[in-house]
Amino acid sequence: MQIREVIIVEGYHDKVAVDRAVTADCLISNGSEVSETFLKQVERAAVERGVIVFTDPDQAGERIRRLVARRVPGCKHAFLTRAAATNQSDGDVGIENATPAAIRQALEGVRTEWAGQEPEFSWAEMTAYGLTAHPRAFDRRHALGEKLGIGYGNAKSFWKKLNMLGVSRAEFEQAYREIEPGVDAEEGAGS
């Protein structure tokens, strides 16, 4: 599998893991220290070839994702589940721990940011679906993030991801039915 876009990763070992899975060029952020030089490289890559942000499913990875997305609106995003990125022997979380198949699957499910469109999901729906202000909100957001391939986030960041990454109403409702069988997606938190 060959990827045209430049893939943004956190470290050298992530690049090695990506290289085992696909043929692609990578830019390495060198962890959470995101430099101005690096961001300029990302901007140039975005203009020339496009970029895919593929960071670890943890706080540091999400921080880098936000910094790059702020600087380069409209970039693409690939997400690994936390389970797929966790080393079973020591609990380390990172792309470098994922199998080539899991990396390919994440890159095949890439999502493109949509800036400026009308939001598909309102904040009121976050409450109605039990994704905030509900005892199971954390679990629901986590499960939906994995099903939809958009990663986890707190209530506010999850809501932004739903809208920014172009999750459709039908796609959302199908995933919700899968994580909450027997609960009508429109009833949401009613159970």
C-alpha atoms as a PDB file:
ATOM      1  CA  MET A   1       0.000   0.000   0.000  1.00  0.00           C
ATOM      2  CA  GLN A   2       1.477   3.341  -1.059  1.00  0.00           C
ATOM      3  CA  ILE A   3       0.401   6.607   0.577  1.00  0.00           C
ATOM      4  CA  ARG A   4       0.717   9.859  -1.380  1.00  0.00           C
ATOM      5  CA  GLU A   5       0.349  12.178   1.619  1.00  0.00           C
ATOM      6  CA  VAL A   6       3.128  12.799   4.126  1.00  0.00           C
ATOM      7  CA  ILE A   7       2.358  11.071   7.428  1.00  0.00           C
ATOM      8  CA  ILE A   8       2.972  13.040  10.623  1.00  0.00           C
ATOM      9  CA  VAL A   9       4.215  10.824  13.470  1.00  0.00           C
ATOM     10  CA  GLU A  10       5.669  11.531  16.901  1.00  0.00           C
ATOM     11  CA  GLY A  11       8.949   9.656  16.863  1.00  0.00           C
ATOM     12  CA  TYR A  12      11.448   7.545  14.961  1.00  0.00           C
ATOM     13  CA  HIS A  13      10.015   4.225  16.204  1.00  0.00           C
ATOM     14  CA  ASP A  14       6.555   5.274  14.954  1.00  0.00           C
ATOM     15  CA  LYS A  15       8.107   5.946  11.537  1.00  0.00           C
ATOM     16  CA  VAL A  16       9.716   2.498  11.547  1.00  0.00           C
ATOM     17  CA  ALA A  17       6.335   0.911  12.340  1.00  0.00           C
ATOM     18  CA  VAL A  18       4.656   2.880   9.521  1.00  0.00           C
ATOM     19  CA  ASP A  19       7.448   1.829   7.132  1.00  0.00           C
ATOM     20  CA  ARG A  20       6.769  -1.847   7.986  1.00  0.00           C
ATOM     21  CA  ALA A  21       3.096  -1.385   7.067  1.00  0.00           C
ATOM     22  CA  VAL A  22       3.046   0.941   4.032  1.00  0.00           C
ATOM     23  CA  THR A  23       5.230   2.842   1.596  1.00  0.00           C
ATOM     24  CA  ALA A  24       5.089   6.478   2.694  1.00  0.00           C
ATOM     25  CA  ASP A  25       7.115   9.488   3.684  1.00  0.00           C
ATOM     26  CA  CYS A  26       6.919  10.600   7.299  1.00  0.00           C
ATOM     27  CA  LEU A  27       7.656  13.806   9.171  1.00  0.00           C
ATOM     28  CA  ILE A  28       8.645  13.245  12.789  1.00  0.00           C
ATOM     29  CA  SER A  29       7.540  15.767  15.402  1.00  0.00           C
ATOM     30  CA  ASN A  30      10.070  14.499  17.966  1.00  0.00           C
ATOM     31  CA  GLY A  31       7.473  14.015  20.652  1.00  0.00           C
ATOM     32  CA  SER A  32       5.458  16.747  22.274  1.00  0.00           C
ATOM     33  CA  GLU A  33       8.089  19.423  21.558  1.00  0.00           C
ATOM     34  CA  VAL A  34       6.486  20.749  18.402  1.00  0.00           C
ATOM     35  CA  SER A  35       8.874  23.316  16.921  1.00  0.00           C
ATOM     36  CA  GLU A  36       8.135  26.172  14.571  1.00  0.00           C
ATOM     37  CA  THR A  37      10.494  24.555  12.054  1.00  0.00           C
ATOM     38  CA  PHE A  38       8.483  21.327  12.179  1.00  0.00           C
ATOM     39  CA  LEU A  39       5.176  23.198  11.718  1.00  0.00           C
ATOM     40  CA  LYS A  40       6.604  25.001   8.672  1.00  0.00           C
ATOM     41  CA  GLN A  41       7.618  21.622   7.212  1.00  0.00           C
ATOM     42  CA  VAL A  42       4.067  20.363   7.778  1.00  0.00           C
ATOM     43  CA  GLU A  43       2.618  23.449   6.073  1.00  0.00           C
ATOM     44  CA  ARG A  44       4.817  22.907   3.041  1.00  0.00           C
ATOM     45  CA  ALA A  45       4.008  19.177   2.890  1.00  0.00           C
ATOM     46  CA  ALA A  46       0.294  19.989   3.123  1.00  0.00           C
ATOM     47  CA  VAL A  47       0.535  22.274   0.088  1.00  0.00           C
ATOM     48  CA  GLU A  48       2.709  19.918  -1.950  1.00  0.00           C
ATOM     49  CA  ARG A  49       1.203  16.504  -1.143  1.00  0.00           C
ATOM     50  CA  GLY A  50      -1.256  16.716   1.736  1.00  0.00           C
ATOM     51  CA  VAL A  51      -0.672  15.401   5.252  1.00  0.00           C
ATOM     52  CA  ILE A  52      -2.108  12.691   7.452  1.00  0.00           C
ATOM     53  CA  VAL A  53      -1.748  13.237  11.188  1.00  0.00           C
ATOM     54  CA  PHE A  54      -1.125   9.823  12.771  1.00  0.00           C
ATOM     55  CA  THR A  55      -0.224  10.306  16.429  1.00  0.00           C
ATOM     56  CA  ASP A  56      -0.392   8.066  19.477  1.00  0.00           C
ATOM     57  CA  PRO A  57      -3.825   7.577  21.085  1.00  0.00           C
ATOM     58  CA  ASP A  58      -2.842   9.407  24.267  1.00  0.00           C
ATOM     59  CA  GLN A  59      -2.778  12.960  25.639  1.00  0.00           C
ATOM     60  CA  ALA A  60       0.549  13.895  24.053  1.00  0.00           C
ATOM     61  CA  GLY A  61      -0.587  12.547  20.685  1.00  0.00           C
ATOM     62  CA  GLU A  62      -3.857  14.463  20.845  1.00  0.00           C
ATOM     63  CA  ARG A  63      -1.962  17.650  21.765  1.00  0.00           C
ATOM     64  CA  ILE A  64       0.264  17.293  18.692  1.00  0.00           C
ATOM     65  CA  ARG A  65      -2.805  16.528  16.553  1.00  0.00           C
ATOM     66  CA  ARG A  66      -4.487  19.747  17.772  1.00  0.00           C
ATOM     67  CA  LEU A  67      -1.368  21.868  17.163  1.00  0.00           C
ATOM     68  CA  VAL A  68      -0.946  20.572  13.619  1.00  0.00           C
ATOM     69  CA  ALA A  69      -4.674  20.865  12.824  1.00  0.00           C
ATOM     70  CA  ARG A  70      -4.726  24.465  14.057  1.00  0.00           C
ATOM     71  CA  ARG A  71      -1.759  25.319  11.872  1.00  0.00           C
ATOM     72  CA  VAL A  72      -2.871  23.308   8.809  1.00  0.00           C
ATOM     73  CA  PRO A  73      -6.669  23.399   8.483  1.00  0.00           C
ATOM     74  CA  GLY A  74      -8.160  20.651   6.353  1.00  0.00           C
ATOM     75  CA  CYS A  75      -5.499  18.032   7.055  1.00  0.00           C
ATOM     76  CA  LYS A  76      -6.364  14.355   7.212  1.00  0.00           C
ATOM     77  CA  HIS A  77      -6.377  12.270  10.383  1.00  0.00           C
ATOM     78  CA  ALA A  78      -5.757   8.570  11.020  1.00  0.00           C
ATOM     79  CA  PHE A  79      -6.525   6.985  14.379  1.00  0.00           C
ATOM     80  CA  LEU A  80      -5.424   3.797  16.111  1.00  0.00           C
ATOM     81  CA  THR A  81      -7.430   2.395  18.981  1.00  0.00           C
ATOM     82  CA  ARG A  82      -5.671   2.428  22.319  1.00  0.00           C
ATOM     83  CA  ALA A  83      -5.845  -1.383  22.395  1.00  0.00           C
ATOM     84  CA  ALA A  84      -4.149  -1.684  18.987  1.00  0.00           C
ATOM     85  CA  ALA A  85      -1.372   0.688  20.104  1.00  0.00           C
ATOM     86  CA  THR A  86      -0.642  -0.863  23.501  1.00  0.00           C
ATOM     87  CA  ASN A  87       2.366  -3.099  24.165  1.00  0.00           C
ATOM     88  CA  GLN A  88       0.937  -6.011  26.148  1.00  0.00           C
ATOM     89  CA  SER A  89       4.154  -6.686  28.066  1.00  0.00           C
ATOM     90  CA  ASP A  90       4.747  -3.217  29.510  1.00  0.00           C
ATOM     91  CA  GLY A  91       1.571  -1.202  28.816  1.00  0.00           C
ATOM     92  CA  ASP A  92       3.382   1.349  26.640  1.00  0.00           C
ATOM     93  CA  VAL A  93       1.006   3.137  24.249  1.00  0.00           C
ATOM     94  CA  GLY A  94       2.243   4.170  20.829  1.00  0.00           C
ATOM     95  CA  ILE A  95       2.022   3.580  17.108  1.00  0.00           C
ATOM     96  CA  GLU A  96       5.321   1.714  17.328  1.00  0.00           C
ATOM     97  CA  ASN A  97       3.470  -1.094  19.167  1.00  0.00           C
ATOM     98  CA  ALA A  98       0.808  -1.617  16.475  1.00  0.00           C
ATOM     99  CA  THR A  99       0.856  -4.409  13.942  1.00  0.00           C
ATOM    100  CA  PRO A 100       1.311  -3.544  10.268  1.00  0.00           C
ATOM    101  CA  ALA A 101      -2.294  -4.670   9.664  1.00  0.00           C
ATOM    102  CA  ALA A 102      -3.619  -2.294  12.349  1.00  0.00           C
ATOM    103  CA  ILE A 103      -1.587   0.583  10.871  1.00  0.00           C
ATOM    104  CA  ARG A 104      -2.885  -0.131   7.357  1.00  0.00           C
ATOM    105  CA  GLN A 105      -6.454  -0.282   8.687  1.00  0.00           C
ATOM    106  CA  ALA A 106      -6.029   3.083  10.435  1.00  0.00           C
ATOM    107  CA  LEU A 107      -4.613   4.660   7.276  1.00  0.00           C
ATOM    108  CA  GLU A 108      -7.403   3.194   5.132  1.00  0.00           C
ATOM    109  CA  GLY A 109      -9.936   4.802   7.498  1.00  0.00           C
ATOM    110  CA  VAL A 110      -8.404   8.280   7.256  1.00  0.00           C
ATOM    111  CA  ARG A 111     -10.776  11.206   7.798  1.00  0.00           C
ATOM    112  CA  THR A 112     -10.486  14.696   6.379  1.00  0.00           C
ATOM    113  CA  GLU A 113     -11.252  17.774   8.449  1.00  0.00           C
ATOM    114  CA  TRP A 114     -14.122  19.882   7.359  1.00  0.00           C
ATOM    115  CA  ALA A 115     -13.735  23.501   8.350  1.00  0.00           C
ATOM    116  CA  GLY A 116     -16.552  25.989   8.068  1.00  0.00           C
ATOM    117  CA  GLN A 117     -19.514  23.685   7.558  1.00  0.00           C
ATOM    118  CA  GLU A 118     -22.644  23.733   9.618  1.00  0.00           C
ATOM    119  CA  PRO A 119     -22.193  21.305  12.516  1.00  0.00           C
ATOM    120  CA  GLU A 120     -24.025  18.022  12.066  1.00  0.00           C
ATOM    121  CA  PHE A 121     -24.303  17.485  15.823  1.00  0.00           C
ATOM    122  CA  SER A 122     -25.442  20.000  18.417  1.00  0.00           C
ATOM    123  CA  TRP A 123     -24.196  20.197  21.984  1.00  0.00           C
ATOM    124  CA  ALA A 124     -27.721  19.324  23.165  1.00  0.00           C
ATOM    125  CA  GLU A 125     -27.384  16.005  21.319  1.00  0.00           C
ATOM    126  CA  MET A 126     -24.235  15.224  23.282  1.00  0.00           C
ATOM    127  CA  THR A 127     -26.396  15.279  26.400  1.00  0.00           C
ATOM    128  CA  ALA A 128     -29.336  13.519  24.730  1.00  0.00           C
ATOM    129  CA  TYR A 129     -27.096  10.637  23.625  1.00  0.00           C
ATOM    130  CA  GLY A 130     -25.503  10.376  27.055  1.00  0.00           C
ATOM    131  CA  LEU A 131     -22.081  11.474  25.828  1.00  0.00           C
ATOM    132  CA  THR A 132     -21.826  14.109  28.542  1.00  0.00           C
ATOM    133  CA  ALA A 133     -23.461  14.554  31.952  1.00  0.00           C
ATOM    134  CA  HIS A 134     -24.241  10.841  32.136  1.00  0.00           C
ATOM    135  CA  PRO A 135     -22.690   8.133  34.351  1.00  0.00           C
ATOM    136  CA  ARG A 136     -21.582   6.161  31.258  1.00  0.00           C
ATOM    137  CA  ALA A 137     -20.538   9.163  29.145  1.00  0.00           C
ATOM    138  CA  PHE A 138     -16.808   8.299  29.240  1.00  0.00           C
ATOM    139  CA  ASP A 139     -17.450   4.684  28.195  1.00  0.00           C
ATOM    140  CA  ARG A 140     -19.842   5.709  25.431  1.00  0.00           C
ATOM    141  CA  ARG A 141     -17.428   8.290  23.966  1.00  0.00           C
ATOM    142  CA  HIS A 142     -14.582   5.785  24.132  1.00  0.00           C
ATOM    143  CA  ALA A 143     -16.600   3.049  22.384  1.00  0.00           C
ATOM    144  CA  LEU A 144     -18.013   5.424  19.762  1.00  0.00           C
ATOM    145  CA  GLY A 145     -14.582   6.897  19.082  1.00  0.00           C
ATOM    146  CA  GLU A 146     -13.262   3.425  18.318  1.00  0.00           C
ATOM    147  CA  LYS A 147     -16.275   2.437  16.186  1.00  0.00           C
ATOM    148  CA  LEU A 148     -16.179   5.685  14.199  1.00  0.00           C
ATOM    149  CA  GLY A 149     -12.388   5.725  13.906  1.00  0.00           C
ATOM    150  CA  ILE A 150     -12.023   9.230  15.359  1.00  0.00           C
ATOM    151  CA  GLY A 151     -10.316   8.430  18.643  1.00  0.00           C
ATOM    152  CA  TYR A 152     -11.308   9.344  22.174  1.00  0.00           C
ATOM    153  CA  GLY A 153     -11.852  12.794  23.585  1.00  0.00           C
ATOM    154  CA  ASN A 154     -13.441  14.541  26.508  1.00  0.00           C
ATOM    155  CA  ALA A 155     -17.004  15.685  25.804  1.00  0.00           C
ATOM    156  CA  LYS A 156     -16.055  18.972  24.171  1.00  0.00           C
ATOM    157  CA  SER A 157     -13.239  17.585  22.011  1.00  0.00           C
ATOM    158  CA  PHE A 158     -15.342  14.550  21.029  1.00  0.00           C
ATOM    159  CA  TRP A 159     -18.184  16.856  19.920  1.00  0.00           C
ATOM    160  CA  LYS A 160     -15.715  18.897  17.868  1.00  0.00           C
ATOM    161  CA  LYS A 161     -14.294  15.727  16.284  1.00  0.00           C
ATOM    162  CA  LEU A 162     -17.762  14.496  15.306  1.00  0.00           C
ATOM    163  CA  ASN A 163     -18.367  17.724  13.411  1.00  0.00           C
ATOM    164  CA  MET A 164     -14.832  18.458  12.184  1.00  0.00           C
ATOM    165  CA  LEU A 165     -14.150  14.989  10.791  1.00  0.00           C
ATOM    166  CA  GLY A 166     -17.398  14.712   8.861  1.00  0.00           C
ATOM    167  CA  VAL A 167     -19.145  11.921  10.761  1.00  0.00           C
ATOM    168  CA  SER A 168     -22.533  11.465   9.119  1.00  0.00           C
ATOM    169  CA  ARG A 169     -25.773  11.124  11.038  1.00  0.00           C
ATOM    170  CA  ALA A 170     -26.351   7.613   9.656  1.00  0.00           C
ATOM    171  CA  GLU A 171     -22.804   6.527  10.535  1.00  0.00           C
ATOM    172  CA  PHE A 172     -23.176   7.906  14.068  1.00  0.00           C
ATOM    173  CA  GLU A 173     -26.559   6.278  14.687  1.00  0.00           C
ATOM    174  CA  GLN A 174     -25.334   2.899  13.405  1.00  0.00           C
ATOM    175  CA  ALA A 175     -22.295   3.022  15.697  1.00  0.00           C
ATOM    176  CA  TYR A 176     -24.476   4.129  18.630  1.00  0.00           C
ATOM    177  CA  ARG A 177     -26.843   1.180  18.078  1.00  0.00           C
ATOM    178  CA  GLU A 178     -23.839  -1.154  18.084  1.00  0.00           C
ATOM    179  CA  ILE A 179     -22.475   0.134  21.404  1.00  0.00           C
ATOM    180  CA  GLU A 180     -25.907   0.490  23.023  1.00  0.00           C
ATOM    181  CA  PRO A 181     -27.984  -2.419  21.699  1.00  0.00           C
ATOM    182  CA  GLY A 182     -31.647  -2.080  22.507  1.00  0.00           C
ATOM    183  CA  VAL A 183     -31.414   1.682  22.986  1.00  0.00           C
ATOM    184  CA  ASP A 184     -33.016   3.761  20.267  1.00  0.00           C
ATOM    185  CA  ALA A 185     -30.307   6.137  19.036  1.00  0.00           C
ATOM    186  CA  GLU A 186     -32.763   9.031  19.190  1.00  0.00           C
ATOM    187  CA  GLU A 187     -33.556   8.282  22.834  1.00  0.00           C
ATOM    188  CA  GLY A 188     -29.845   8.304  23.722  1.00  0.00           C
ATOM    189  CA  ALA A 189     -29.374   8.808  27.432  1.00  0.00           C
ATOM    190  CA  GLY A 190     -32.917   7.768  28.204  1.00  0.00           C
ATOM    191  CA  SER A 191     -31.578   4.431  29.448  1.00  0.00           C
END
